[in-house]
Amino acid sequence: MTYIVAPQAAVSTFIAQHTDEPFYYQPAWLALLSRLYGYPVHTLETTDESGALTGFMPVMAVRSPLTGRRVVSLPFSDCCPPLATSDTAVNALMDQALALAQAERARYLEVRSGALAALDARPELTRNDLYSRWVVPLERDTQAMWKRVKTSPQQRVKKARKDGVTVRVAESLADVDAYYHLHLLTRSRKHGMPAQPARYFRDLWQTFGAADPATGQMRLLLAEHAGAVIGGMILLISGATVRNAYSASDPNLLRLGPNNALMWEAMSWAGEQGYTRFDMGRTAHDNPSLASFKHSWGAQEEPMPYYYHPAIAGLASTSEQSWKYRLLTGGWRRLPLPISQALGGALYKHLG
């Protein structure tokens, strides 16, 4: 296959003009994924008669001996829609993606785009509405934001402060490692899922946070009590949006409310800095308790469908109520933590 390769400056300008959430499109993110997981990234592009860009879509060709071949836009990323000037350009990008999937002998193509009319109109694509994203509108007036938070999380934030929980911004790789320990506990014990390798969070920090921990594109918040880290939250900053990408806590100290303290600190900081959206992340429709928690913080639901060809497939399309999902999570919770850490780091690349 032959692909257009536009100058990076032109691509960067096009991305800035066509999305207010550019994080997953930037070369540093694509390079991090390819470097860490070992799969090739293809940047699909379309142009008009003058050679000006009309469409851009990063995809990754996942070649896994465990979970099969697939082409995804974009794995290890919740939502990465094709950027285009028209439906014609969207369709041209999709034609390229379908051709790439065929060339890769992929079992399926997955487009994590959110709702797009041009994709809904394509009969060969199947839409899966398993997920929504939950977004809190932000403003600089934090008192006004506080009033929109329901009573229950307000009380938990107040209790956390009363009990001596404090929140600070991470400053070093040692702080990243402290967060990772909690992340491993949360993924393995609470969710019963393999955790990303520790190297992923170190690379994320070094690429997007280390240069300026206070203002970089990655911001790690740590909740502490009596000198110990008991919770953490990783924010990814993209345009006008601050996204709660990962959060974790000590399961034995949840009574102290670290998650609530972190949530309010993240939201209030983002509002004060002038960001307009706080993305609480995707939530499956069959997880109503998590959706209710996010709603209690003033979040609004936005549909986030994924599109597939030739049929819906893969872990990202698996219901949390399915027997396959329950079997995986139930078995994973029983593993000793050192084993789940080692296995998770090796397996995660096959699951994105």
Foldseek 3Di string as FASTA:
>chain_A
DDADDDPPVLVVVLLVVFDLFCPCPDPLNQVLLCVQLVWDKDWHWDADPVRRTFKIFIWTFADDPVQWTEIERYPPDQATAIGGPDLVRSVVSVVVRVVVCVVSVGPKYKHQHFDDPSQVPDVQKDKFQFKKWWKAFFAQPLVVLVVLFAPVLVVLLVLLVVQPKDKDWDADVVVLVLQVVQQLCCCQAVVLAQDAASVSSVSCCVRFAHVPQVDTQWIKMFIDDPRHTFKIFIWGDGRLEIERSDIGGHPVPCSSPPVSNVVSVVRNVSNSVPRTMYIDDMDTPVCVVVVVVSVSSVIDIGTGMMMMPNDDDAPVNDDCPDPVNCVSSVVSNPDDSVVSNVVSNVCVSVHD
